[in-house]
């Protein structure tokens, strides 16, 4: 069986629960997107290293590549990193 080619439009290869932290980046590195169970605001560090405060996350698929999800002032719940 061949492995699936990985590109920006291909499906995620793994889904990992996010443990929000104000000090630690996601353990598997930059994710491709966030899957969110309950919509709300979040503070994130994006691929460029910028901290983005008050990012609205919808319930479902959010195509945002992020390095960290902060625990402070986190309104969104049940977050999963897609790789």
PDB file of N, CA and C in Angstrom:
ATOM      1  N   UNK A   1       0.839  -1.167   0.000  1.00  0.00           N
ATOM      2  CA  UNK A   1       0.000   0.000   0.000  1.00  0.00           C
ATOM      3  C   UNK A   1       0.891   1.238   0.000  1.00  0.00           C
ATOM      4  N   UNK A   2       0.545   2.221  -0.817  1.00  0.00           N
ATOM      5  CA  UNK A   2       1.356   3.433  -0.879  1.00  0.00           C
ATOM      6  C   UNK A   2       0.879   4.453   0.147  1.00  0.00           C
ATOM      7  N   UNK A   3       1.802   5.301   0.547  1.00  0.00           N
ATOM      8  CA  UNK A   3       1.449   6.385   1.473  1.00  0.00           C
ATOM      9  C   UNK A   3       0.824   7.532   0.703  1.00  0.00           C
ATOM     10  N   UNK A   4      -0.098   8.230   1.360  1.00  0.00           N
ATOM     11  CA  UNK A   4      -0.753   9.374   0.744  1.00  0.00           C
ATOM     12  C   UNK A   4       0.235  10.525   0.601  1.00  0.00           C
ATOM     13  N   UNK A   5       0.178  11.199  -0.526  1.00  0.00           N
ATOM     14  CA  UNK A   5       0.991  12.390  -0.731  1.00  0.00           C
ATOM     15  C   UNK A   5       0.504  13.481   0.204  1.00  0.00           C
ATOM     16  N   UNK A   6       1.410  14.234   0.761  1.00  0.00           N
ATOM     17  CA  UNK A   6       1.045  15.294   1.689  1.00  0.00           C
ATOM     18  C   UNK A   6       1.167  16.657   1.023  1.00  0.00           C
ATOM     19  N   UNK A   7       0.093  17.399   1.011  1.00  0.00           N
ATOM     20  CA  UNK A   7       0.074  18.739   0.455  1.00  0.00           C
ATOM     21  C   UNK A   7      -0.893  19.598   1.242  1.00  0.00           C
ATOM     22  N   UNK A   8      -1.001  20.848   0.846  1.00  0.00           N
ATOM     23  CA  UNK A   8      -1.834  21.783   1.604  1.00  0.00           C
ATOM     24  C   UNK A   8      -3.315  21.440   1.551  1.00  0.00           C
ATOM     25  N   UNK A   9      -3.738  20.660   0.557  1.00  0.00           N
ATOM     26  CA  UNK A   9      -5.150  20.308   0.458  1.00  0.00           C
ATOM     27  C   UNK A   9      -5.427  18.850   0.807  1.00  0.00           C
ATOM     28  N   UNK A  10      -4.406  18.095   1.165  1.00  0.00           N
ATOM     29  CA  UNK A  10      -4.615  16.693   1.524  1.00  0.00           C
ATOM     30  C   UNK A  10      -5.140  16.577   2.944  1.00  0.00           C
ATOM     31  N   UNK A  11      -5.781  15.462   3.271  1.00  0.00           N
ATOM     32  CA  UNK A  11      -6.314  15.282   4.620  1.00  0.00           C
ATOM     33  C   UNK A  11      -5.209  15.256   5.674  1.00  0.00           C
ATOM     34  N   UNK A  12      -5.593  15.544   6.889  1.00  0.00           N
ATOM     35  CA  UNK A  12      -4.640  15.466   8.002  1.00  0.00           C
ATOM     36  C   UNK A  12      -4.189  14.021   8.173  1.00  0.00           C
ATOM     37  N   UNK A  13      -2.934  13.844   8.548  1.00  0.00           N
ATOM     38  CA  UNK A  13      -2.386  12.510   8.772  1.00  0.00           C
ATOM     39  C   UNK A  13      -2.542  12.072  10.223  1.00  0.00           C
ATOM     40  N   UNK A  14      -2.691  13.049  11.143  1.00  0.00           N
ATOM     41  CA  UNK A  14      -2.915  12.710  12.543  1.00  0.00           C
ATOM     42  C   UNK A  14      -3.715  13.820  13.222  1.00  0.00           C
ATOM     43  N   UNK A  15      -4.418  13.432  14.273  1.00  0.00           N
ATOM     44  CA  UNK A  15      -5.243  14.340  15.068  1.00  0.00           C
ATOM     45  C   UNK A  15      -4.790  14.179  16.518  1.00  0.00           C
ATOM     46  N   UNK A  16      -4.373  15.302  17.132  1.00  0.00           N
ATOM     47  CA  UNK A  16      -3.794  15.263  18.472  1.00  0.00           C
ATOM     48  C   UNK A  16      -4.533  16.255  19.364  1.00  0.00           C
ATOM     49  N   UNK A  17      -4.971  15.822  20.560  1.00  0.00           N
ATOM     50  CA  UNK A  17      -5.627  16.777  21.459  1.00  0.00           C
ATOM     51  C   UNK A  17      -4.673  17.903  21.846  1.00  0.00           C
ATOM     52  N   UNK A  18      -5.201  19.119  21.900  1.00  0.00           N
ATOM     53  CA  UNK A  18      -4.406  20.287  22.277  1.00  0.00           C
ATOM     54  C   UNK A  18      -4.485  20.474  23.783  1.00  0.00           C
ATOM     55  N   UNK A  19      -3.322  20.616  24.413  1.00  0.00           N
ATOM     56  CA  UNK A  19      -3.248  20.995  25.819  1.00  0.00           C
ATOM     57  C   UNK A  19      -2.803  22.455  25.835  1.00  0.00           C
ATOM     58  N   UNK A  20      -3.756  23.382  26.000  1.00  0.00           N
ATOM     59  CA  UNK A  20      -3.395  24.796  25.970  1.00  0.00           C
ATOM     60  C   UNK A  20      -2.358  25.140  27.042  1.00  0.00           C
ATOM     61  N   UNK A  21      -1.429  26.030  26.695  1.00  0.00           N
ATOM     62  CA  UNK A  21      -0.368  26.425  27.617  1.00  0.00           C
ATOM     63  C   UNK A  21       0.083  27.846  27.309  1.00  0.00           C
ATOM     64  N   UNK A  22       0.337  28.606  28.353  1.00  0.00           N
ATOM     65  CA  UNK A  22       0.862  29.958  28.162  1.00  0.00           C
ATOM     66  C   UNK A  22       2.368  29.966  27.945  1.00  0.00           C
ATOM     67  N   UNK A  23       3.048  28.832  28.127  1.00  0.00           N
ATOM     68  CA  UNK A  23       4.505  28.784  28.055  1.00  0.00           C
ATOM     69  C   UNK A  23       5.072  27.754  27.080  1.00  0.00           C
ATOM     70  N   UNK A  24       4.268  26.799  26.628  1.00  0.00           N
ATOM     71  CA  UNK A  24       4.791  25.696  25.832  1.00  0.00           C
ATOM     72  C   UNK A  24       4.086  25.599  24.484  1.00  0.00           C
ATOM     73  N   UNK A  25       4.875  25.454  23.428  1.00  0.00           N
ATOM     74  CA  UNK A  25       4.313  25.254  22.091  1.00  0.00           C
ATOM     75  C   UNK A  25       3.719  23.858  21.971  1.00  0.00           C
ATOM     76  N   UNK A  26       2.946  23.633  20.916  1.00  0.00           N
ATOM     77  CA  UNK A  26       2.392  22.309  20.661  1.00  0.00           C
ATOM     78  C   UNK A  26       3.545  21.308  20.540  1.00  0.00           C
ATOM     79  N   UNK A  27       3.446  20.148  21.185  1.00  0.00           N
ATOM     80  CA  UNK A  27       4.581  19.212  21.220  1.00  0.00           C
ATOM     81  C   UNK A  27       4.967  18.645  19.857  1.00  0.00           C
ATOM     82  N   UNK A  28       4.030  18.578  18.916  1.00  0.00           N
ATOM     83  CA  UNK A  28       4.348  18.048  17.589  1.00  0.00           C
ATOM     84  C   UNK A  28       4.690  19.151  16.594  1.00  0.00           C
ATOM     85  N   UNK A  29       4.884  20.373  17.092  1.00  0.00           N
ATOM     86  CA  UNK A  29       5.258  21.484  16.219  1.00  0.00           C
ATOM     87  C   UNK A  29       4.056  22.155  15.578  1.00  0.00           C
ATOM     88  N   UNK A  30       4.321  22.880  14.528  1.00  0.00           N
ATOM     89  CA  UNK A  30       3.312  23.649  13.808  1.00  0.00           C
ATOM     90  C   UNK A  30       2.232  22.721  13.256  1.00  0.00           C
ATOM     91  N   UNK A  31       0.975  22.999  13.612  1.00  0.00           N
ATOM     92  CA  UNK A  31      -0.117  22.177  13.084  1.00  0.00           C
ATOM     93  C   UNK A  31      -0.658  22.796  11.800  1.00  0.00           C
ATOM     94  N   UNK A  32      -1.381  22.010  11.033  1.00  0.00           N
ATOM     95  CA  UNK A  32      -1.971  22.471   9.766  1.00  0.00           C
ATOM     96  C   UNK A  32      -3.280  23.202   9.985  1.00  0.00           C
ATOM     97  N   UNK A  33      -4.007  22.800  11.054  1.00  0.00           N
ATOM     98  CA  UNK A  33      -5.325  23.370  11.319  1.00  0.00           C
ATOM     99  C   UNK A  33      -5.742  22.979  12.727  1.00  0.00           C
ATOM    100  N   UNK A  34      -6.811  23.629  13.201  1.00  0.00           N
ATOM    101  CA  UNK A  34      -7.403  23.283  14.496  1.00  0.00           C
ATOM    102  C   UNK A  34      -8.827  22.790  14.276  1.00  0.00           C
ATOM    103  N   UNK A  35      -9.158  21.714  14.941  1.00  0.00           N
ATOM    104  CA  UNK A  35     -10.522  21.210  14.972  1.00  0.00           C
ATOM    105  C   UNK A  35     -11.079  21.595  16.336  1.00  0.00           C
ATOM    106  N   UNK A  36     -12.223  22.277  16.366  1.00  0.00           N
ATOM    107  CA  UNK A  36     -12.757  22.859  17.592  1.00  0.00           C
ATOM    108  C   UNK A  36     -14.140  22.285  17.874  1.00  0.00           C
ATOM    109  N   UNK A  37     -14.348  21.846  19.121  1.00  0.00           N
ATOM    110  CA  UNK A  37     -15.639  21.305  19.516  1.00  0.00           C
ATOM    111  C   UNK A  37     -16.636  22.387  19.880  1.00  0.00           C
ATOM    112  N   UNK A  38     -16.192  23.405  20.630  1.00  0.00           N
ATOM    113  CA  UNK A  38     -17.061  24.498  21.068  1.00  0.00           C
ATOM    114  C   UNK A  38     -16.403  25.815  20.664  1.00  0.00           C
ATOM    115  N   UNK A  39     -17.122  26.612  19.892  1.00  0.00           N
ATOM    116  CA  UNK A  39     -16.592  27.886  19.386  1.00  0.00           C
ATOM    117  C   UNK A  39     -16.246  28.839  20.524  1.00  0.00           C
ATOM    118  N   UNK A  40     -15.297  29.725  20.264  1.00  0.00           N
ATOM    119  CA  UNK A  40     -14.913  30.747  21.231  1.00  0.00           C
ATOM    120  C   UNK A  40     -13.653  31.453  20.772  1.00  0.00           C
ATOM    121  N   UNK A  41     -13.196  32.395  21.579  1.00  0.00           N
ATOM    122  CA  UNK A  41     -11.979  33.145  21.258  1.00  0.00           C
ATOM    123  C   UNK A  41     -10.763  32.420  21.793  1.00  0.00           C
ATOM    124  N   UNK A  42      -9.611  32.676  21.160  1.00  0.00           N
ATOM    125  CA  UNK A  42      -8.353  32.075  21.596  1.00  0.00           C
ATOM    126  C   UNK A  42      -7.209  33.029  21.308  1.00  0.00           C
ATOM    127  N   UNK A  43      -6.132  32.872  22.059  1.00  0.00           N
ATOM    128  CA  UNK A  43      -4.874  33.550  21.773  1.00  0.00           C
ATOM    129  C   UNK A  43      -3.928  32.487  21.238  1.00  0.00           C
ATOM    130  N   UNK A  44      -3.320  32.774  20.085  1.00  0.00           N
ATOM    131  CA  UNK A  44      -2.506  31.800  19.365  1.00  0.00           C
ATOM    132  C   UNK A  44      -1.160  32.408  18.983  1.00  0.00           C
ATOM    133  N   UNK A  45      -0.164  31.558  18.779  1.00  0.00           N
ATOM    134  CA  UNK A  45       1.067  31.962  18.098  1.00  0.00           C
ATOM    135  C   UNK A  45       1.024  31.312  16.723  1.00  0.00           C
ATOM    136  N   UNK A  46       1.115  32.144  15.678  1.00  0.00           N
ATOM    137  CA  UNK A  46       1.031  31.630  14.318  1.00  0.00           C
ATOM    138  C   UNK A  46       2.406  31.227  13.787  1.00  0.00           C
ATOM    139  N   UNK A  47       2.438  30.803  12.535  1.00  0.00           N
ATOM    140  CA  UNK A  47       3.665  30.316  11.917  1.00  0.00           C
ATOM    141  C   UNK A  47       4.768  31.365  11.873  1.00  0.00           C
ATOM    142  N   UNK A  48       4.401  32.652  11.806  1.00  0.00           N
ATOM    143  CA  UNK A  48       5.401  33.714  11.755  1.00  0.00           C
ATOM    144  C   UNK A  48       5.966  34.052  13.134  1.00  0.00           C
ATOM    145  N   UNK A  49       5.389  33.451  14.192  1.00  0.00           N
ATOM    146  CA  UNK A  49       5.843  33.734  15.549  1.00  0.00           C
ATOM    147  C   UNK A  49       5.069  34.851  16.226  1.00  0.00           C
ATOM    148  N   UNK A  50       4.091  35.420  15.528  1.00  0.00           N
ATOM    149  CA  UNK A  50       3.281  36.496  16.093  1.00  0.00           C
ATOM    150  C   UNK A  50       2.213  35.940  17.028  1.00  0.00           C
ATOM    151  N   UNK A  51       1.998  36.632  18.141  1.00  0.00           N
ATOM    152  CA  UNK A  51       0.913  36.286  19.045  1.00  0.00           C
ATOM    153  C   UNK A  51      -0.336  37.008  18.575  1.00  0.00           C
ATOM    154  N   UNK A  52      -1.392  36.263  18.352  1.00  0.00           N
ATOM    155  CA  UNK A  52      -2.669  36.810  17.885  1.00  0.00           C
ATOM    156  C   UNK A  52      -3.694  36.647  19.004  1.00  0.00           C
ATOM    157  N   UNK A  53      -4.212  37.757  19.508  1.00  0.00           N
ATOM    158  CA  UNK A  53      -5.120  37.767  20.651  1.00  0.00           C
ATOM    159  C   UNK A  53      -6.561  37.890  20.163  1.00  0.00           C
ATOM    160  N   UNK A  54      -7.455  37.121  20.780  1.00  0.00           N
ATOM    161  CA  UNK A  54      -8.879  37.223  20.467  1.00  0.00           C
ATOM    162  C   UNK A  54      -9.260  36.666  19.114  1.00  0.00           C
ATOM    163  N   UNK A  55      -8.587  35.604  18.693  1.00  0.00           N
ATOM    164  CA  UNK A  55      -8.901  34.977  17.408  1.00  0.00           C
ATOM    165  C   UNK A  55     -10.202  34.185  17.558  1.00  0.00           C
ATOM    166  N   UNK A  56     -11.211  34.494  16.744  1.00  0.00           N
ATOM    167  CA  UNK A  56     -12.459  33.743  16.834  1.00  0.00           C
ATOM    168  C   UNK A  56     -12.319  32.382  16.150  1.00  0.00           C
ATOM    169  N   UNK A  57     -12.560  31.326  16.900  1.00  0.00           N
ATOM    170  CA  UNK A  57     -12.532  29.971  16.353  1.00  0.00           C
ATOM    171  C   UNK A  57     -13.970  29.461  16.259  1.00  0.00           C
ATOM    172  N   UNK A  58     -14.317  28.921  15.105  1.00  0.00           N
ATOM    173  CA  UNK A  58     -15.650  28.362  14.933  1.00  0.00           C
ATOM    174  C   UNK A  58     -15.639  26.894  15.353  1.00  0.00           C
ATOM    175  N   UNK A  59     -16.797  26.367  15.692  1.00  0.00           N
ATOM    176  CA  UNK A  59     -16.904  24.929  15.942  1.00  0.00           C
ATOM    177  C   UNK A  59     -16.693  24.230  14.607  1.00  0.00           C
ATOM    178  N   UNK A  60     -15.755  23.302  14.577  1.00  0.00           N
ATOM    179  CA  UNK A  60     -15.418  22.600  13.344  1.00  0.00           C
ATOM    180  C   UNK A  60     -14.007  22.924  12.908  1.00  0.00           C
ATOM    181  N   UNK A  61     -13.788  22.916  11.607  1.00  0.00           N
ATOM    182  CA  UNK A  61     -12.459  23.053  11.008  1.00  0.00           C
ATOM    183  C   UNK A  61     -12.036  24.513  10.907  1.00  0.00           C
ATOM    184  N   UNK A  62     -10.847  24.824  11.438  1.00  0.00           N
ATOM    185  CA  UNK A  62     -10.260  26.165  11.368  1.00  0.00           C
ATOM    186  C   UNK A  62      -8.897  26.037  10.688  1.00  0.00           C
ATOM    187  N   UNK A  63      -8.767  26.457   9.427  1.00  0.00           N
ATOM    188  CA  UNK A  63      -7.507  26.274   8.687  1.00  0.00           C
ATOM    189  C   UNK A  63      -6.440  27.288   9.089  1.00  0.00           C
ATOM    190  N   UNK A  64      -5.973  27.157  10.330  1.00  0.00           N
ATOM    191  CA  UNK A  64      -4.964  28.060  10.883  1.00  0.00           C
ATOM    192  C   UNK A  64      -3.752  27.247  11.322  1.00  0.00           C
ATOM    193  N   UNK A  65      -2.591  27.550  10.781  1.00  0.00           N
ATOM    194  CA  UNK A  65      -1.355  26.894  11.207  1.00  0.00           C
ATOM    195  C   UNK A  65      -0.857  27.615  12.456  1.00  0.00           C
ATOM    196  N   UNK A  66      -0.807  26.919  13.573  1.00  0.00           N
ATOM    197  CA  UNK A  66      -0.399  27.543  14.831  1.00  0.00           C
ATOM    198  C   UNK A  66       0.651  26.709  15.549  1.00  0.00           C
ATOM    199  N   UNK A  67       1.468  27.409  16.361  1.00  0.00           N
ATOM    200  CA  UNK A  67       2.504  26.773  17.174  1.00  0.00           C
ATOM    201  C   UNK A  67       2.067  26.596  18.617  1.00  0.00           C
ATOM    202  N   UNK A  68       1.188  27.519  19.090  1.00  0.00           N
ATOM    203  CA  UNK A  68       0.770  27.476  20.493  1.00  0.00           C
ATOM    204  C   UNK A  68      -0.660  27.976  20.613  1.00  0.00           C
ATOM    205  N   UNK A  69      -1.389  27.345  21.525  1.00  0.00           N
ATOM    206  CA  UNK A  69      -2.706  27.814  21.947  1.00  0.00           C
ATOM    207  C   UNK A  69      -2.574  28.158  23.421  1.00  0.00           C
ATOM    208  N   UNK A  70      -2.770  29.414  23.761  1.00  0.00           N
ATOM    209  CA  UNK A  70      -2.625  29.869  25.147  1.00  0.00           C
ATOM    210  C   UNK A  70      -3.801  29.398  25.993  1.00  0.00           C
ATOM    211  N   UNK A  71      -3.529  29.101  27.257  1.00  0.00           N
ATOM    212  CA  UNK A  71      -4.591  28.702  28.179  1.00  0.00           C
ATOM    213  C   UNK A  71      -5.319  29.911  28.761  1.00  0.00           C
ATOM    214  N   UNK A  72      -4.646  31.046  28.858  1.00  0.00           N
ATOM    215  CA  UNK A  72      -5.262  32.259  29.407  1.00  0.00           C
ATOM    216  C   UNK A  72      -6.361  32.768  28.492  1.00  0.00           C
ATOM    217  N   UNK A  73      -7.489  33.096  29.086  1.00  0.00           N
ATOM    218  CA  UNK A  73      -8.621  33.691  28.356  1.00  0.00           C
ATOM    219  C   UNK A  73      -9.092  32.848  27.178  1.00  0.00           C
ATOM    220  N   UNK A  74      -8.996  31.539  27.299  1.00  0.00           N
ATOM    221  CA  UNK A  74      -9.414  30.642  26.219  1.00  0.00           C
ATOM    222  C   UNK A  74     -10.906  30.373  26.336  1.00  0.00           C
ATOM    223  N   UNK A  75     -11.660  30.759  25.313  1.00  0.00           N
ATOM    224  CA  UNK A  75     -13.096  30.512  25.294  1.00  0.00           C
ATOM    225  C   UNK A  75     -13.468  29.262  24.518  1.00  0.00           C
ATOM    226  N   UNK A  76     -12.701  28.934  23.489  1.00  0.00           N
ATOM    227  CA  UNK A  76     -12.971  27.737  22.693  1.00  0.00           C
ATOM    228  C   UNK A  76     -12.643  26.499  23.529  1.00  0.00           C
ATOM    229  N   UNK A  77     -13.342  25.399  23.244  1.00  0.00           N
ATOM    230  CA  UNK A  77     -13.143  24.163  24.005  1.00  0.00           C
ATOM    231  C   UNK A  77     -13.028  22.960  23.079  1.00  0.00           C
ATOM    232  N   UNK A  78     -12.448  21.902  23.622  1.00  0.00           N
ATOM    233  CA  UNK A  78     -12.291  20.633  22.908  1.00  0.00           C
ATOM    234  C   UNK A  78     -11.522  20.853  21.604  1.00  0.00           C
ATOM    235  N   UNK A  79     -10.262  21.268  21.760  1.00  0.00           N
ATOM    236  CA  UNK A  79      -9.406  21.610  20.622  1.00  0.00           C
ATOM    237  C   UNK A  79      -8.526  20.426  20.225  1.00  0.00           C
ATOM    238  N   UNK A  80      -8.377  20.257  18.921  1.00  0.00           N
ATOM    239  CA  UNK A  80      -7.541  19.202  18.353  1.00  0.00           C
ATOM    240  C   UNK A  80      -6.639  19.810  17.291  1.00  0.00           C
ATOM    241  N   UNK A  81      -5.359  19.453  17.303  1.00  0.00           N
ATOM    242  CA  UNK A  81      -4.408  19.894  16.280  1.00  0.00           C
ATOM    243  C   UNK A  81      -4.390  18.855  15.162  1.00  0.00           C
ATOM    244  N   UNK A  82      -4.482  19.332  13.943  1.00  0.00           N
ATOM    245  CA  UNK A  82      -4.426  18.453  12.774  1.00  0.00           C
ATOM    246  C   UNK A  82      -3.046  18.588  12.127  1.00  0.00           C
ATOM    247  N   UNK A  83      -2.414  17.451  11.892  1.00  0.00           N
ATOM    248  CA  UNK A  83      -1.072  17.411  11.303  1.00  0.00           C
ATOM    249  C   UNK A  83      -1.098  16.622  10.007  1.00  0.00           C
TER     250      UNK A  83
END
